[in-house]
Each structure stands twice: as structure tokens, then as C-alpha cells.
């Protein structure tokens, strides 16, 4: 690898910048793992609630539950990155 003077740093270090920023603010990996599990619980409760609303609102309620269901893997992986940062 050739390092050119005045060149911009590679974008490969952006990942480290996020975990460093979160770590400096006191957030640890287990915090995000708990948040991930909580979002799974939220998704399940929204899904159950979607079954109790009337037919006109059911589609929107199910979409909301599915949207929240997309959060846990992302939050969990950020937590794993923070654990590796320690």
C-alpha cells in the first residue's frame, strides 16, 4: 500500500469511529444487546396488538410491527462491535 502525503484516510476506519464515539459516551455492548432484546419484545407486542385492531387499521399496525422487527439485528451487531472495541 502506498501512502500519499495529503491523501484522505480510507473509509474502512468509519466503523471504528462509530464504536469509538459510542464507547466514549459510556455505551457498552451489553447495553445494545439489551436494547435489541427489548426491540424484539416491542415487535412481538405490536404484532399481537395488530391482531386486536379492526380490519381497516390492521395493515398499518402489521407494517409498524415489521418495521420494528428490522431493528434487532442491527442493534445487536453494533453491540458486538462495541464489545470488540473494549
C-alpha atoms as a PDB file:
ATOM      1  CA  UNK A   1       0.000   0.000   0.000  1.00  0.00           C
ATOM      2  CA  UNK A   2       1.354   3.361  -0.988  1.00  0.00           C
ATOM      3  CA  UNK A   3       0.683   6.244   1.347  1.00  0.00           C
ATOM      4  CA  UNK A   4       0.420   9.556  -0.421  1.00  0.00           C
ATOM      5  CA  UNK A   5       1.086  12.650   1.620  1.00  0.00           C
ATOM      6  CA  UNK A   6      -2.041  14.762   1.991  1.00  0.00           C
ATOM      7  CA  UNK A   7      -4.335  11.921   0.928  1.00  0.00           C
ATOM      8  CA  UNK A   8      -7.608  11.332   2.719  1.00  0.00           C
ATOM      9  CA  UNK A   9      -7.841   8.426   5.155  1.00  0.00           C
ATOM     10  CA  UNK A  10      -9.585   5.343   3.852  1.00  0.00           C
ATOM     11  CA  UNK A  11     -13.282   4.854   4.558  1.00  0.00           C
ATOM     12  CA  UNK A  12     -12.516   1.495   6.185  1.00  0.00           C
ATOM     13  CA  UNK A  13     -11.970   3.267   9.501  1.00  0.00           C
ATOM     14  CA  UNK A  14     -15.507   4.686   9.691  1.00  0.00           C
ATOM     15  CA  UNK A  15     -16.611   1.555  11.576  1.00  0.00           C
ATOM     16  CA  UNK A  16     -14.055   2.238  14.280  1.00  0.00           C
ATOM     17  CA  UNK A  17     -15.144   5.840  14.538  1.00  0.00           C
ATOM     18  CA  UNK A  18     -18.736   4.891  15.398  1.00  0.00           C
ATOM     19  CA  UNK A  19     -17.740   2.381  18.067  1.00  0.00           C
ATOM     20  CA  UNK A  20     -15.196   4.807  19.493  1.00  0.00           C
ATOM     21  CA  UNK A  21     -17.828   7.563  19.659  1.00  0.00           C
ATOM     22  CA  UNK A  22     -20.350   5.278  21.388  1.00  0.00           C
ATOM     23  CA  UNK A  23     -17.702   3.931  23.781  1.00  0.00           C
ATOM     24  CA  UNK A  24     -16.614   7.442  24.765  1.00  0.00           C
ATOM     25  CA  UNK A  25     -20.197   8.243  25.720  1.00  0.00           C
ATOM     26  CA  UNK A  26     -20.392   5.293  28.083  1.00  0.00           C
ATOM     27  CA  UNK A  27     -22.416   2.923  25.911  1.00  0.00           C
ATOM     28  CA  UNK A  28     -21.253  -0.676  26.161  1.00  0.00           C
ATOM     29  CA  UNK A  29     -22.047  -3.714  24.069  1.00  0.00           C
ATOM     30  CA  UNK A  30     -24.383  -5.215  26.632  1.00  0.00           C
ATOM     31  CA  UNK A  31     -26.472  -2.032  26.587  1.00  0.00           C
ATOM     32  CA  UNK A  32     -27.167  -2.539  22.911  1.00  0.00           C
ATOM     33  CA  UNK A  33     -27.790  -6.263  23.376  1.00  0.00           C
ATOM     34  CA  UNK A  34     -30.465  -5.436  25.952  1.00  0.00           C
ATOM     35  CA  UNK A  35     -31.925  -2.830  23.583  1.00  0.00           C
ATOM     36  CA  UNK A  36     -32.003  -5.447  20.826  1.00  0.00           C
ATOM     37  CA  UNK A  37     -33.902  -7.893  23.019  1.00  0.00           C
ATOM     38  CA  UNK A  38     -36.277  -5.100  24.065  1.00  0.00           C
ATOM     39  CA  UNK A  39     -36.998  -4.277  20.429  1.00  0.00           C
ATOM     40  CA  UNK A  40     -37.853  -7.936  19.819  1.00  0.00           C
ATOM     41  CA  UNK A  41     -40.343  -7.727  22.697  1.00  0.00           C
ATOM     42  CA  UNK A  42     -41.724  -4.496  21.276  1.00  0.00           C
ATOM     43  CA  UNK A  43     -42.128  -6.098  17.852  1.00  0.00           C
ATOM     44  CA  UNK A  44     -43.998  -9.085  19.287  1.00  0.00           C
ATOM     45  CA  UNK A  45     -46.283  -6.865  21.359  1.00  0.00           C
ATOM     46  CA  UNK A  46     -47.029  -4.662  18.329  1.00  0.00           C
ATOM     47  CA  UNK A  47     -47.776  -7.759  16.262  1.00  0.00           C
ATOM     48  CA  UNK A  48     -50.171  -9.108  18.900  1.00  0.00           C
ATOM     49  CA  UNK A  49     -51.811  -5.713  19.174  1.00  0.00           C
ATOM     50  CA  UNK A  50     -52.225  -5.622  15.397  1.00  0.00           C
ATOM     51  CA  UNK A  51     -54.462  -8.678  15.682  1.00  0.00           C
ATOM     52  CA  UNK A  52     -56.786  -6.834  18.056  1.00  0.00           C
ATOM     53  CA  UNK A  53     -57.447  -3.725  15.931  1.00  0.00           C
ATOM     54  CA  UNK A  54     -60.156  -3.533  13.305  1.00  0.00           C
ATOM     55  CA  UNK A  55     -59.559  -4.569   9.714  1.00  0.00           C
ATOM     56  CA  UNK A  56     -59.089  -1.003   8.431  1.00  0.00           C
ATOM     57  CA  UNK A  57     -56.110  -0.339  10.706  1.00  0.00           C
ATOM     58  CA  UNK A  58     -54.633  -3.848  10.753  1.00  0.00           C
ATOM     59  CA  UNK A  59     -52.345  -3.417   7.724  1.00  0.00           C
ATOM     60  CA  UNK A  60     -50.739  -0.308   9.146  1.00  0.00           C
ATOM     61  CA  UNK A  61     -50.290  -1.926  12.555  1.00  0.00           C
ATOM     62  CA  UNK A  62     -48.662  -5.003  10.996  1.00  0.00           C
ATOM     63  CA  UNK A  63     -46.293  -2.828   8.951  1.00  0.00           C
ATOM     64  CA  UNK A  64     -45.305  -0.990  12.118  1.00  0.00           C
ATOM     65  CA  UNK A  65     -44.517  -4.305  13.830  1.00  0.00           C
ATOM     66  CA  UNK A  66     -42.451  -5.480  10.859  1.00  0.00           C
ATOM     67  CA  UNK A  67     -40.549  -2.186  10.775  1.00  0.00           C
ATOM     68  CA  UNK A  68     -39.631  -2.520  14.442  1.00  0.00           C
ATOM     69  CA  UNK A  69     -38.689  -6.149  13.742  1.00  0.00           C
ATOM     70  CA  UNK A  70     -35.891  -4.942  11.466  1.00  0.00           C
ATOM     71  CA  UNK A  71     -34.089  -3.180  14.304  1.00  0.00           C
ATOM     72  CA  UNK A  72     -32.769  -6.056  16.474  1.00  0.00           C
ATOM     73  CA  UNK A  73     -30.088  -7.458  14.125  1.00  0.00           C
ATOM     74  CA  UNK A  74     -28.598  -4.027  13.512  1.00  0.00           C
ATOM     75  CA  UNK A  75     -28.594  -3.069  17.180  1.00  0.00           C
ATOM     76  CA  UNK A  76     -27.125  -6.465  18.139  1.00  0.00           C
ATOM     77  CA  UNK A  77     -24.279  -6.192  15.609  1.00  0.00           C
ATOM     78  CA  UNK A  78     -23.388  -2.692  16.768  1.00  0.00           C
ATOM     79  CA  UNK A  79     -23.252  -4.123  20.305  1.00  0.00           C
ATOM     80  CA  UNK A  80     -20.897  -6.867  19.083  1.00  0.00           C
ATOM     81  CA  UNK A  81     -18.665  -4.225  17.518  1.00  0.00           C
ATOM     82  CA  UNK A  82     -18.580  -2.329  20.790  1.00  0.00           C
ATOM     83  CA  UNK A  83     -17.548  -5.484  22.651  1.00  0.00           C
ATOM     84  CA  UNK A  84     -14.668  -5.955  20.217  1.00  0.00           C
ATOM     85  CA  UNK A  85     -13.700  -2.319  20.775  1.00  0.00           C
ATOM     86  CA  UNK A  86     -13.123  -2.945  24.502  1.00  0.00           C
END
